[in-house]
C-alpha atoms as a PDB file:
ATOM      1  CA  UNK A   1      13.647   6.426 -11.770  1.00  0.00           C
ATOM      2  CA  UNK A   2      12.652   6.047  -8.140  1.00  0.00           C
ATOM      3  CA  UNK A   3      14.236   7.341  -4.978  1.00  0.00           C
ATOM      4  CA  UNK A   4      16.611   4.772  -3.430  1.00  0.00           C
ATOM      5  CA  UNK A   5      14.490   4.832  -0.282  1.00  0.00           C
ATOM      6  CA  UNK A   6      11.061   4.541  -1.915  1.00  0.00           C
ATOM      7  CA  UNK A   7       9.682   1.431  -3.513  1.00  0.00           C
ATOM      8  CA  UNK A   8       6.007   0.907  -4.308  1.00  0.00           C
ATOM      9  CA  UNK A   9       6.197  -2.539  -5.935  1.00  0.00           C
ATOM     10  CA  UNK A  10       7.923  -5.720  -4.804  1.00  0.00           C
ATOM     11  CA  UNK A  11       7.875  -9.450  -5.429  1.00  0.00           C
ATOM     12  CA  UNK A  12       8.452 -11.893  -2.603  1.00  0.00           C
ATOM     13  CA  UNK A  13       8.334 -15.640  -1.991  1.00  0.00           C
ATOM     14  CA  UNK A  14       6.554 -16.966   1.084  1.00  0.00           C
ATOM     15  CA  UNK A  15       6.585 -20.530   2.407  1.00  0.00           C
ATOM     16  CA  UNK A  16       4.613 -21.843   5.356  1.00  0.00           C
ATOM     17  CA  UNK A  17       6.169 -24.548   7.495  1.00  0.00           C
ATOM     18  CA  UNK A  18       5.769 -28.226   6.605  1.00  0.00           C
ATOM     19  CA  UNK A  19       3.992 -30.484   9.069  1.00  0.00           C
ATOM     20  CA  UNK A  20       6.070 -32.947  11.064  1.00  0.00           C
ATOM     21  CA  UNK A  21       5.766 -36.702  10.450  1.00  0.00           C
ATOM     22  CA  UNK A  22       3.824 -38.967  12.751  1.00  0.00           C
ATOM     23  CA  UNK A  23       5.854 -41.527  14.713  1.00  0.00           C
ATOM     24  CA  UNK A  24       5.671 -45.345  14.861  1.00  0.00           C
ATOM     25  CA  UNK A  25       6.645 -46.448  18.373  1.00  0.00           C
ATOM     26  CA  UNK A  26       5.626 -48.982  21.029  1.00  0.00           C
ATOM     27  CA  UNK A  27       5.859 -48.937  24.766  1.00  0.00           C
ATOM     28  CA  UNK A  28       8.671 -51.174  26.010  1.00  0.00           C
ATOM     29  CA  UNK A  29       8.688 -50.527  29.769  1.00  0.00           C
ATOM     30  CA  UNK A  30       9.564 -53.512  31.907  1.00  0.00           C
ATOM     31  CA  UNK A  31       6.507 -52.954  34.096  1.00  0.00           C
ATOM     32  CA  UNK A  32       4.136 -52.937  31.139  1.00  0.00           C
ATOM     33  CA  UNK A  33       4.127 -56.448  29.672  1.00  0.00           C
ATOM     34  CA  UNK A  34       1.577 -55.646  26.973  1.00  0.00           C
ATOM     35  CA  UNK A  35       2.779 -52.198  25.830  1.00  0.00           C
ATOM     36  CA  UNK A  36       0.764 -50.726  23.011  1.00  0.00           C
ATOM     37  CA  UNK A  37       1.490 -48.194  20.235  1.00  0.00           C
ATOM     38  CA  UNK A  38       2.863 -44.896  21.554  1.00  0.00           C
ATOM     39  CA  UNK A  39       3.846 -42.904  18.477  1.00  0.00           C
ATOM     40  CA  UNK A  40       2.952 -39.240  18.771  1.00  0.00           C
ATOM     41  CA  UNK A  41       1.601 -36.909  16.098  1.00  0.00           C
ATOM     42  CA  UNK A  42       3.787 -34.489  14.180  1.00  0.00           C
ATOM     43  CA  UNK A  43       3.499 -30.781  14.885  1.00  0.00           C
ATOM     44  CA  UNK A  44       1.819 -28.343  12.510  1.00  0.00           C
ATOM     45  CA  UNK A  45       3.940 -25.940  10.481  1.00  0.00           C
ATOM     46  CA  UNK A  46       3.967 -22.195  11.018  1.00  0.00           C
ATOM     47  CA  UNK A  47       1.928 -19.706   8.987  1.00  0.00           C
ATOM     48  CA  UNK A  48       3.186 -16.633   7.110  1.00  0.00           C
ATOM     49  CA  UNK A  49       1.123 -13.523   7.828  1.00  0.00           C
ATOM     50  CA  UNK A  50       1.438  -9.987   6.467  1.00  0.00           C
ATOM     51  CA  UNK A  51       0.659  -7.269   9.017  1.00  0.00           C
ATOM     52  CA  UNK A  52      -0.101  -3.632   8.106  1.00  0.00           C
ATOM     53  CA  UNK A  53       2.270  -1.278   9.921  1.00  0.00           C
ATOM     54  CA  UNK A  54       1.681   2.493   9.773  1.00  0.00           C
ATOM     55  CA  UNK A  55       5.318   3.198  10.660  1.00  0.00           C
ATOM     56  CA  UNK A  56       6.299   2.009   7.164  1.00  0.00           C
ATOM     57  CA  UNK A  57       5.671   4.079   4.035  1.00  0.00           C
ATOM     58  CA  UNK A  58       7.619   2.130   1.418  1.00  0.00           C
ATOM     59  CA  UNK A  59       8.303  -1.432   0.270  1.00  0.00           C
ATOM     60  CA  UNK A  60      12.032  -0.707   0.209  1.00  0.00           C
ATOM     61  CA  UNK A  61      12.696  -3.372   2.855  1.00  0.00           C
ATOM     62  CA  UNK A  62      11.774  -6.048   0.302  1.00  0.00           C
ATOM     63  CA  UNK A  63      14.420  -4.959  -2.157  1.00  0.00           C
ATOM     64  CA  UNK A  64      16.991  -7.321  -0.667  1.00  0.00           C
ATOM     65  CA  UNK A  65      14.961  -9.678   1.545  1.00  0.00           C
ATOM     66  CA  UNK A  66      12.602 -11.573  -0.741  1.00  0.00           C
ATOM     67  CA  UNK A  67      12.140 -14.982   0.923  1.00  0.00           C
ATOM     68  CA  UNK A  68      10.036 -15.485   4.031  1.00  0.00           C
ATOM     69  CA  UNK A  69       9.865 -19.008   5.419  1.00  0.00           C
ATOM     70  CA  UNK A  70       8.008 -20.097   8.566  1.00  0.00           C
ATOM     71  CA  UNK A  71       9.209 -22.897  10.829  1.00  0.00           C
ATOM     72  CA  UNK A  72       8.388 -26.538  10.148  1.00  0.00           C
ATOM     73  CA  UNK A  73       6.645 -28.771  12.680  1.00  0.00           C
ATOM     74  CA  UNK A  74       8.734 -31.234  14.661  1.00  0.00           C
ATOM     75  CA  UNK A  75       8.247 -34.962  14.097  1.00  0.00           C
ATOM     76  CA  UNK A  76       6.265 -36.980  16.607  1.00  0.00           C
ATOM     77  CA  UNK A  77       8.152 -39.140  19.122  1.00  0.00           C
ATOM     78  CA  UNK A  78       7.560 -42.199  21.227  1.00  0.00           C
ATOM     79  CA  UNK A  79       5.780 -42.228  24.571  1.00  0.00           C
ATOM     80  CA  UNK A  80       2.924 -40.336  22.893  1.00  0.00           C
ATOM     81  CA  UNK A  81       5.033 -37.197  22.567  1.00  0.00           C
ATOM     82  CA  UNK A  82       3.581 -34.880  19.968  1.00  0.00           C
ATOM     83  CA  UNK A  83       5.917 -32.772  17.857  1.00  0.00           C
ATOM     84  CA  UNK A  84       6.166 -29.062  18.563  1.00  0.00           C
ATOM     85  CA  UNK A  85       4.398 -26.722  16.159  1.00  0.00           C
ATOM     86  CA  UNK A  86       6.596 -24.666  13.853  1.00  0.00           C
ATOM     87  CA  UNK A  87       7.132 -20.968  14.545  1.00  0.00           C
ATOM     88  CA  UNK A  88       4.821 -18.684  12.576  1.00  0.00           C
ATOM     89  CA  UNK A  89       6.213 -15.657  10.778  1.00  0.00           C
ATOM     90  CA  UNK A  90       4.756 -12.133  10.705  1.00  0.00           C
ATOM     91  CA  UNK A  91       5.957  -9.785   7.965  1.00  0.00           C
ATOM     92  CA  UNK A  92       5.225  -6.045   8.403  1.00  0.00           C
ATOM     93  CA  UNK A  93       4.115  -4.127   5.299  1.00  0.00           C
ATOM     94  CA  UNK A  94       2.988  -0.505   4.837  1.00  0.00           C
ATOM     95  CA  UNK A  95      -0.660   0.377   5.263  1.00  0.00           C
ATOM     96  CA  UNK A  96      -2.106   0.532   1.748  1.00  0.00           C
ATOM     97  CA  UNK A  97      -0.387  -2.611   0.443  1.00  0.00           C
ATOM     98  CA  UNK A  98      -2.291  -4.667  -2.133  1.00  0.00           C
ATOM     99  CA  UNK A  99      -1.312  -8.361  -2.239  1.00  0.00           C
ATOM    100  CA  UNK A 100      -1.733 -10.652  -5.269  1.00  0.00           C
ATOM    101  CA  UNK A 101      -0.676 -14.192  -6.133  1.00  0.00           C
ATOM    102  CA  UNK A 102       1.686 -13.996  -9.112  1.00  0.00           C
ATOM    103  CA  UNK A 103       0.933 -17.552 -10.246  1.00  0.00           C
ATOM    104  CA  UNK A 104      -2.845 -17.242 -10.374  1.00  0.00           C
ATOM    105  CA  UNK A 105      -3.325 -13.478 -10.554  1.00  0.00           C
ATOM    106  CA  UNK A 106      -5.735 -13.745  -7.599  1.00  0.00           C
ATOM    107  CA  UNK A 107      -6.134 -10.682  -5.390  1.00  0.00           C
ATOM    108  CA  UNK A 108      -5.456 -11.965  -1.880  1.00  0.00           C
ATOM    109  CA  UNK A 109      -6.060  -8.826   0.130  1.00  0.00           C
ATOM    110  CA  UNK A 110      -5.815  -5.067   0.548  1.00  0.00           C
ATOM    111  CA  UNK A 111      -4.281  -3.968   3.853  1.00  0.00           C
ATOM    112  CA  UNK A 112      -5.814  -0.552   4.486  1.00  0.00           C
ATOM    113  CA  UNK A 113      -5.859  -0.332   8.297  1.00  0.00           C
ATOM    114  CA  UNK A 114      -3.184  -0.366  10.983  1.00  0.00           C
ATOM    115  CA  UNK A 115      -2.740  -3.867  12.410  1.00  0.00           C
ATOM    116  CA  UNK A 116      -4.774  -5.562   9.678  1.00  0.00           C
ATOM    117  CA  UNK A 117      -3.539  -9.110   9.105  1.00  0.00           C
ATOM    118  CA  UNK A 118      -3.517 -11.329   6.037  1.00  0.00           C
ATOM    119  CA  UNK A 119      -2.446 -14.983   6.113  1.00  0.00           C
ATOM    120  CA  UNK A 120      -0.651 -15.549   2.803  1.00  0.00           C
ATOM    121  CA  UNK A 121       0.692 -19.081   3.329  1.00  0.00           C
ATOM    122  CA  UNK A 122      -1.228 -21.815   5.145  1.00  0.00           C
ATOM    123  CA  UNK A 123       0.803 -24.314   7.196  1.00  0.00           C
ATOM    124  CA  UNK A 124       1.211 -28.010   6.616  1.00  0.00           C
ATOM    125  CA  UNK A 125      -0.564 -30.312   9.062  1.00  0.00           C
ATOM    126  CA  UNK A 126       1.309 -32.724  11.288  1.00  0.00           C
ATOM    127  CA  UNK A 127       0.939 -36.424  10.482  1.00  0.00           C
ATOM    128  CA  UNK A 128      -0.781 -38.849  12.850  1.00  0.00           C
ATOM    129  CA  UNK A 129       1.328 -41.194  14.920  1.00  0.00           C
ATOM    130  CA  UNK A 130       0.554 -44.909  15.143  1.00  0.00           C
ATOM    131  CA  UNK A 131      -1.199 -44.444  18.488  1.00  0.00           C
ATOM    132  CA  UNK A 132      -4.021 -42.848  16.477  1.00  0.00           C
ATOM    133  CA  UNK A 133      -4.576 -46.037  14.464  1.00  0.00           C
ATOM    134  CA  UNK A 134      -4.979 -48.516  17.322  1.00  0.00           C
ATOM    135  CA  UNK A 135      -8.299 -50.399  17.264  1.00  0.00           C
ATOM    136  CA  UNK A 136      -9.760 -53.395  19.014  1.00  0.00           C
ATOM    137  CA  UNK A 137      -8.732 -55.569  16.071  1.00  0.00           C
ATOM    138  CA  UNK A 138      -5.391 -53.919  15.325  1.00  0.00           C
ATOM    139  CA  UNK A 139      -3.638 -53.298  18.613  1.00  0.00           C
ATOM    140  CA  UNK A 140      -0.164 -52.889  17.150  1.00  0.00           C
ATOM    141  CA  UNK A 141      -0.506 -50.696  14.069  1.00  0.00           C
ATOM    142  CA  UNK A 142       2.697 -49.930  12.262  1.00  0.00           C
ATOM    143  CA  UNK A 143       1.238 -47.081  10.312  1.00  0.00           C
ATOM    144  CA  UNK A 144       1.902 -43.326  10.690  1.00  0.00           C
ATOM    145  CA  UNK A 145       1.091 -40.418   8.412  1.00  0.00           C
ATOM    146  CA  UNK A 146       3.710 -38.063   6.996  1.00  0.00           C
ATOM    147  CA  UNK A 147       3.217 -34.358   7.528  1.00  0.00           C
ATOM    148  CA  UNK A 148       1.786 -32.342   4.679  1.00  0.00           C
ATOM    149  CA  UNK A 149       3.720 -29.593   2.901  1.00  0.00           C
ATOM    150  CA  UNK A 150       3.162 -25.957   3.797  1.00  0.00           C
ATOM    151  CA  UNK A 151       1.788 -23.597   1.172  1.00  0.00           C
ATOM    152  CA  UNK A 152       4.319 -21.829  -1.038  1.00  0.00           C
ATOM    153  CA  UNK A 153       3.552 -18.720  -3.062  1.00  0.00           C
ATOM    154  CA  UNK A 154       5.139 -15.960  -5.082  1.00  0.00           C
ATOM    155  CA  UNK A 155       3.451 -12.681  -4.210  1.00  0.00           C
ATOM    156  CA  UNK A 156       3.183  -9.285  -5.861  1.00  0.00           C
ATOM    157  CA  UNK A 157       3.067  -6.410  -3.359  1.00  0.00           C
ATOM    158  CA  UNK A 158       1.847  -3.042  -4.588  1.00  0.00           C
ATOM    159  CA  UNK A 159       1.708   0.037  -2.394  1.00  0.00           C
ATOM    160  CA  UNK A 160      -1.047   2.564  -3.009  1.00  0.00           C
ATOM    161  CA  UNK A 161      -0.731   5.576  -0.749  1.00  0.00           C
ATOM    162  CA  UNK A 162      -3.612   6.402   1.559  1.00  0.00           C
ATOM    163  CA  UNK A 163      -4.236  10.149   1.434  1.00  0.00           C
ATOM    164  CA  UNK A 164      -7.326  12.318   1.785  1.00  0.00           C
ATOM    165  CA  UNK A 165      -6.162  14.957  -0.693  1.00  0.00           C
ATOM    166  CA  UNK A 166      -3.788  14.724  -3.655  1.00  0.00           C
ATOM    167  CA  UNK A 167      -1.969  17.652  -5.245  1.00  0.00           C
ATOM    168  CA  UNK A 168      -1.795  17.099  -8.987  1.00  0.00           C
ATOM    169  CA  UNK A 169      -0.394  19.226 -11.759  1.00  0.00           C
ATOM    170  CA  UNK A 170       2.147  19.422 -14.518  1.00  0.00           C
ATOM    171  CA  UNK A 171       5.861  19.513 -13.632  1.00  0.00           C
ATOM    172  CA  UNK A 172       6.997  22.732 -11.918  1.00  0.00           C
ATOM    173  CA  UNK A 173       3.439  23.766 -11.031  1.00  0.00           C
ATOM    174  CA  UNK A 174       4.583  24.415  -7.450  1.00  0.00           C
ATOM    175  CA  UNK A 175       3.111  21.343  -5.727  1.00  0.00           C
ATOM    176  CA  UNK A 176       6.200  20.542  -3.668  1.00  0.00           C
ATOM    177  CA  UNK A 177       6.537  24.147  -2.519  1.00  0.00           C
ATOM    178  CA  UNK A 178       2.888  24.245  -1.486  1.00  0.00           C
ATOM    179  CA  UNK A 179       2.969  20.972   0.445  1.00  0.00           C
ATOM    180  CA  UNK A 180       5.993  22.287   2.341  1.00  0.00           C
ATOM    181  CA  UNK A 181       4.041  25.462   3.154  1.00  0.00           C
ATOM    182  CA  UNK A 182       0.936  23.720   4.515  1.00  0.00           C
ATOM    183  CA  UNK A 183       2.495  20.738   6.332  1.00  0.00           C
ATOM    184  CA  UNK A 184       5.680  19.463   7.935  1.00  0.00           C
ATOM    185  CA  UNK A 185       6.656  17.573   4.780  1.00  0.00           C
ATOM    186  CA  UNK A 186       9.978  18.659   3.288  1.00  0.00           C
ATOM    187  CA  UNK A 187      10.085  17.489  -0.334  1.00  0.00           C
ATOM    188  CA  UNK A 188      12.914  18.237  -2.744  1.00  0.00           C
ATOM    189  CA  UNK A 189      12.299  21.551  -4.479  1.00  0.00           C
ATOM    190  CA  UNK A 190      14.165  22.796  -7.560  1.00  0.00           C
ATOM    191  CA  UNK A 191      13.490  24.668 -10.777  1.00  0.00           C
ATOM    192  CA  UNK A 192      13.456  21.806 -13.269  1.00  0.00           C
ATOM    193  CA  UNK A 193      10.876  19.251 -14.449  1.00  0.00           C
ATOM    194  CA  UNK A 194      10.212  16.155 -12.378  1.00  0.00           C
ATOM    195  CA  UNK A 195      11.774  17.486  -9.201  1.00  0.00           C
ATOM    196  CA  UNK A 196       9.401  15.108  -7.411  1.00  0.00           C
ATOM    197  CA  UNK A 197      10.278  11.539  -8.269  1.00  0.00           C
ATOM    198  CA  UNK A 198       8.312   9.958  -5.420  1.00  0.00           C
ATOM    199  CA  UNK A 199       5.008  10.845  -3.765  1.00  0.00           C
ATOM    200  CA  UNK A 200       5.373  13.003  -0.646  1.00  0.00           C
ATOM    201  CA  UNK A 201       2.947  12.783   2.264  1.00  0.00           C
ATOM    202  CA  UNK A 202       2.096  15.525   4.724  1.00  0.00           C
ATOM    203  CA  UNK A 203      -0.479  16.166   7.438  1.00  0.00           C
ATOM    204  CA  UNK A 204      -2.461  19.427   7.491  1.00  0.00           C
ATOM    205  CA  UNK A 205      -3.922  20.493  10.828  1.00  0.00           C
ATOM    206  CA  UNK A 206      -6.862  22.874  11.083  1.00  0.00           C
ATOM    207  CA  UNK A 207      -6.967  22.781  14.885  1.00  0.00           C
ATOM    208  CA  UNK A 208      -9.660  21.319  17.131  1.00  0.00           C
ATOM    209  CA  UNK A 209      -8.593  17.774  16.200  1.00  0.00           C
ATOM    210  CA  UNK A 210      -9.309  18.438  12.534  1.00  0.00           C
ATOM    211  CA  UNK A 211      -6.634  17.283  10.123  1.00  0.00           C
ATOM    212  CA  UNK A 212      -6.170  15.491   6.831  1.00  0.00           C
ATOM    213  CA  UNK A 213      -3.407  13.684   4.964  1.00  0.00           C
ATOM    214  CA  UNK A 214      -2.301  15.047   1.620  1.00  0.00           C
ATOM    215  CA  UNK A 215      -0.018  13.666  -1.057  1.00  0.00           C
ATOM    216  CA  UNK A 216       2.122  15.534  -3.552  1.00  0.00           C
ATOM    217  CA  UNK A 217       1.965  13.286  -6.610  1.00  0.00           C
ATOM    218  CA  UNK A 218       4.849  13.587  -9.124  1.00  0.00           C
ATOM    219  CA  UNK A 219       4.140  15.842 -12.079  1.00  0.00           C
ATOM    220  CA  UNK A 220       1.906  14.381 -14.734  1.00  0.00           C
ATOM    221  CA  UNK A 221       2.212  15.118 -18.441  1.00  0.00           C
ATOM    222  CA  UNK A 222       0.044  14.409 -21.456  1.00  0.00           C
ATOM    223  CA  UNK A 223       0.135  10.678 -22.153  1.00  0.00           C
ATOM    224  CA  UNK A 224       0.838   9.756 -18.512  1.00  0.00           C
ATOM    225  CA  UNK A 225      -2.050   7.272 -18.534  1.00  0.00           C
ATOM    226  CA  UNK A 226      -0.191   5.402 -21.276  1.00  0.00           C
ATOM    227  CA  UNK A 227       3.175   5.525 -19.529  1.00  0.00           C
ATOM    228  CA  UNK A 228       4.618   8.855 -20.683  1.00  0.00           C
ATOM    229  CA  UNK A 229       6.884  10.655 -18.234  1.00  0.00           C
ATOM    230  CA  UNK A 230       6.507   9.005 -14.848  1.00  0.00           C
ATOM    231  CA  UNK A 231       3.425   7.295 -16.260  1.00  0.00           C
ATOM    232  CA  UNK A 232       0.898   5.172 -14.470  1.00  0.00           C
ATOM    233  CA  UNK A 233       3.398   4.327 -11.721  1.00  0.00           C
ATOM    234  CA  UNK A 234       2.088   7.337  -9.798  1.00  0.00           C
ATOM    235  CA  UNK A 235      -1.412   7.667 -11.226  1.00  0.00           C
ATOM    236  CA  UNK A 236      -2.327   4.573  -9.202  1.00  0.00           C
ATOM    237  CA  UNK A 237      -1.646   6.525  -5.996  1.00  0.00           C
ATOM    238  CA  UNK A 238      -4.666   8.692  -6.805  1.00  0.00           C
ATOM    239  CA  UNK A 239      -7.097   5.768  -6.657  1.00  0.00           C
ATOM    240  CA  UNK A 240      -7.646   5.980  -2.882  1.00  0.00           C
ATOM    241  CA  UNK A 241      -7.739   9.789  -2.705  1.00  0.00           C
ATOM    242  CA  UNK A 242     -11.051  11.517  -1.973  1.00  0.00           C
ATOM    243  CA  UNK A 243     -10.320  15.069  -3.180  1.00  0.00           C
ATOM    244  CA  UNK A 244      -7.915  16.556  -5.738  1.00  0.00           C
ATOM    245  CA  UNK A 245      -6.191  19.910  -5.780  1.00  0.00           C
ATOM    246  CA  UNK A 246      -5.432  20.830  -9.392  1.00  0.00           C
ATOM    247  CA  UNK A 247      -2.504  23.206  -9.123  1.00  0.00           C
ATOM    248  CA  UNK A 248      -1.898  25.246 -12.263  1.00  0.00           C
ATOM    249  CA  UNK A 249       0.886  27.645 -13.170  1.00  0.00           C
ATOM    250  CA  UNK A 250       1.420  30.430 -15.677  1.00  0.00           C
ATOM    251  CA  UNK A 251       4.813  30.331 -17.381  1.00  0.00           C
ATOM    252  CA  UNK A 252       4.640  32.566 -20.501  1.00  0.00           C
ATOM    253  CA  UNK A 253       8.200  31.656 -21.467  1.00  0.00           C
ATOM    254  CA  UNK A 254       7.184  28.003 -21.748  1.00  0.00           C
ATOM    255  CA  UNK A 255       3.915  28.779 -23.518  1.00  0.00           C
ATOM    256  CA  UNK A 256       1.851  27.295 -20.705  1.00  0.00           C
ATOM    257  CA  UNK A 257      -1.891  27.859 -20.796  1.00  0.00           C
ATOM    258  CA  UNK A 258      -3.575  27.032 -17.445  1.00  0.00           C
ATOM    259  CA  UNK A 259      -6.903  26.242 -19.105  1.00  0.00           C
ATOM    260  CA  UNK A 260      -5.284  23.825 -21.557  1.00  0.00           C
ATOM    261  CA  UNK A 261      -3.180  22.312 -18.755  1.00  0.00           C
ATOM    262  CA  UNK A 262      -6.294  21.711 -16.655  1.00  0.00           C
ATOM    263  CA  UNK A 263      -8.070  20.072 -19.596  1.00  0.00           C
ATOM    264  CA  UNK A 264      -5.068  17.842 -20.287  1.00  0.00           C
ATOM    265  CA  UNK A 265      -4.868  16.723 -16.643  1.00  0.00           C
ATOM    266  CA  UNK A 266      -8.562  15.887 -16.590  1.00  0.00           C
ATOM    267  CA  UNK A 267      -8.189  13.803 -19.756  1.00  0.00           C
ATOM    268  CA  UNK A 268      -5.309  11.811 -18.251  1.00  0.00           C
ATOM    269  CA  UNK A 269      -7.335  11.064 -15.125  1.00  0.00           C
ATOM    270  CA  UNK A 270     -10.311   9.896 -17.187  1.00  0.00           C
ATOM    271  CA  UNK A 271      -8.132   7.719 -19.427  1.00  0.00           C
ATOM    272  CA  UNK A 272      -6.543   6.009 -16.455  1.00  0.00           C
ATOM    273  CA  UNK A 273      -9.816   5.545 -14.563  1.00  0.00           C
ATOM    274  CA  UNK A 274     -13.051   7.329 -15.541  1.00  0.00           C
ATOM    275  CA  UNK A 275     -14.143   7.388 -11.896  1.00  0.00           C
ATOM    276  CA  UNK A 276     -11.183   9.621 -10.991  1.00  0.00           C
ATOM    277  CA  UNK A 277     -12.609  12.371 -13.177  1.00  0.00           C
ATOM    278  CA  UNK A 278     -15.714  12.468 -10.964  1.00  0.00           C
ATOM    279  CA  UNK A 279     -13.860  13.142  -7.703  1.00  0.00           C
ATOM    280  CA  UNK A 280     -14.389  16.492  -5.921  1.00  0.00           C
ATOM    281  CA  UNK A 281     -11.713  19.042  -6.755  1.00  0.00           C
ATOM    282  CA  UNK A 282     -10.295  22.419  -5.893  1.00  0.00           C
ATOM    283  CA  UNK A 283      -8.518  24.349  -8.682  1.00  0.00           C
ATOM    284  CA  UNK A 284      -5.859  26.940  -7.913  1.00  0.00           C
ATOM    285  CA  UNK A 285      -3.349  29.070  -9.766  1.00  0.00           C
ATOM    286  CA  UNK A 286       0.069  29.049  -8.091  1.00  0.00           C
ATOM    287  CA  UNK A 287       2.920  31.581  -7.837  1.00  0.00           C
ATOM    288  CA  UNK A 288       0.665  34.545  -7.005  1.00  0.00           C
ATOM    289  CA  UNK A 289       3.770  36.454  -5.859  1.00  0.00           C
ATOM    290  CA  UNK A 290       4.821  36.874  -9.519  1.00  0.00           C
ATOM    291  CA  UNK A 291       3.491  40.042 -11.252  1.00  0.00           C
ATOM    292  CA  UNK A 292       2.620  38.224 -14.504  1.00  0.00           C
ATOM    293  CA  UNK A 293       0.491  35.712 -12.608  1.00  0.00           C
ATOM    294  CA  UNK A 294      -1.359  38.357 -10.619  1.00  0.00           C
ATOM    295  CA  UNK A 295      -2.043  40.346 -13.783  1.00  0.00           C
ATOM    296  CA  UNK A 296      -3.396  37.333 -15.670  1.00  0.00           C
ATOM    297  CA  UNK A 297      -5.514  36.012 -12.785  1.00  0.00           C
ATOM    298  CA  UNK A 298      -8.751  38.007 -13.366  1.00  0.00           C
ATOM    299  CA  UNK A 299      -9.113  36.893 -16.984  1.00  0.00           C
ATOM    300  CA  UNK A 300      -8.230  33.293 -16.102  1.00  0.00           C
ATOM    301  CA  UNK A 301     -10.738  33.314 -13.262  1.00  0.00           C
ATOM    302  CA  UNK A 302     -13.421  34.427 -15.713  1.00  0.00           C
ATOM    303  CA  UNK A 303     -12.542  31.629 -18.152  1.00  0.00           C
ATOM    304  CA  UNK A 304     -12.785  29.009 -15.405  1.00  0.00           C
ATOM    305  CA  UNK A 305     -16.031  30.484 -14.165  1.00  0.00           C
ATOM    306  CA  UNK A 306     -17.543  29.643 -17.561  1.00  0.00           C
ATOM    307  CA  UNK A 307     -16.675  26.022 -16.689  1.00  0.00           C
ATOM    308  CA  UNK A 308     -18.405  26.545 -13.307  1.00  0.00           C
ATOM    309  CA  UNK A 309     -15.048  26.352 -11.544  1.00  0.00           C
ATOM    310  CA  UNK A 310     -13.927  28.832  -8.892  1.00  0.00           C
ATOM    311  CA  UNK A 311     -10.228  29.414  -9.610  1.00  0.00           C
ATOM    312  CA  UNK A 312      -8.328  30.258  -6.418  1.00  0.00           C
ATOM    313  CA  UNK A 313      -5.015  32.101  -6.223  1.00  0.00           C
ATOM    314  CA  UNK A 314      -2.149  30.964  -3.996  1.00  0.00           C
ATOM    315  CA  UNK A 315       1.469  31.765  -3.246  1.00  0.00           C
ATOM    316  CA  UNK A 316       3.408  29.255  -1.157  1.00  0.00           C
ATOM    317  CA  UNK A 317       6.365  31.613  -0.395  1.00  0.00           C
ATOM    318  CA  UNK A 318       4.108  34.442   0.913  1.00  0.00           C
ATOM    319  CA  UNK A 319       1.304  32.121   2.151  1.00  0.00           C
ATOM    320  CA  UNK A 320      -1.248  34.216   0.289  1.00  0.00           C
ATOM    321  CA  UNK A 321      -4.386  32.148  -0.288  1.00  0.00           C
ATOM    322  CA  UNK A 322      -3.017  29.131   1.610  1.00  0.00           C
ATOM    323  CA  UNK A 323      -5.659  29.299   4.354  1.00  0.00           C
ATOM    324  CA  UNK A 324      -8.441  29.631   1.784  1.00  0.00           C
ATOM    325  CA  UNK A 325      -7.233  26.561  -0.102  1.00  0.00           C
ATOM    326  CA  UNK A 326      -6.919  24.476   3.074  1.00  0.00           C
ATOM    327  CA  UNK A 327     -10.487  25.259   4.117  1.00  0.00           C
ATOM    328  CA  UNK A 328     -11.818  24.695   0.605  1.00  0.00           C
ATOM    329  CA  UNK A 329     -10.191  21.270   0.584  1.00  0.00           C
ATOM    330  CA  UNK A 330     -11.539  20.518   4.062  1.00  0.00           C
ATOM    331  CA  UNK A 331     -15.093  21.366   3.006  1.00  0.00           C
ATOM    332  CA  UNK A 332     -14.824  19.138  -0.063  1.00  0.00           C
ATOM    333  CA  UNK A 333     -13.357  16.351   2.056  1.00  0.00           C
ATOM    334  CA  UNK A 334     -16.092  16.572   4.677  1.00  0.00           C
ATOM    335  CA  UNK A 335     -18.738  16.424   1.953  1.00  0.00           C
ATOM    336  CA  UNK A 336     -17.039  13.407   0.364  1.00  0.00           C
ATOM    337  CA  UNK A 337     -16.952  11.587   3.705  1.00  0.00           C
ATOM    338  CA  UNK A 338     -20.700  11.925   4.259  1.00  0.00           C
ATOM    339  CA  UNK A 339     -22.642   8.808   3.266  1.00  0.00           C
ATOM    340  CA  UNK A 340     -24.570   9.161   0.056  1.00  0.00           C
END
């Protein structure tokens, strides 16, 4: 189930404008005894263009409006009057939208930058009027071309969030609480599985014009890469992310083992896309304000050290370890941004 205000997939129909017909006409002015052909050309149709708009973060606007049709070209007229071109149509979409043709399966474009444009329906061309066909041997042509049809397509739009860092972890690991602590994002927080039903975005500022965008991805469970739980619907949002924060929790009542949870998460990433398992990561144990967590931390840290992983400790309510995690993520992000 998705939030009523978040939609990351949509299907739409786009139609460019048809070209106007050429005109067959002849001059009939009294002062022009030998009037020739004067039919004007038809106007071209309008194009349909998708434009990336950073003010949008969901495809929800396409839930009800699914048809986008540009204007058709006007027909040519006499006295060599050419038809007016049809009005083009620009359709704003969120940055991070992937566009495919449903009929052919062709990937048409990936709009990853503000203002990036993608023409998705080419216009029809206006037909030639009979004035275009006049020759020395045919001075009164009665031929004109019809306008051609504009391109029509059914499109699949898929939104993949653009974030520098993604928080991943099993349900109730504390991701939503942590993103609220380090940014201005205010996700829904409650003590039950799958509190987060949609990805949340936040911006972390380190001062001196240093900042990064992070995403709180809904809780993953074993089998997510095959559709279990919230499934691959949200795993795809990790594909553009440079660095992961694996957030683990210790809940003895639920029999949770942070080492096993970490291993399970890594397996799901690799099953969905092996390249995801190679991304830089920071691993942290949440809920450091709880006595059981603080007591178990030293032994867990030692276990992760055997895997050559430095396990950090964090508490979102008390902000303990928050600064350390932010700077660890920043260092990983800076390293990932450097050209190989």
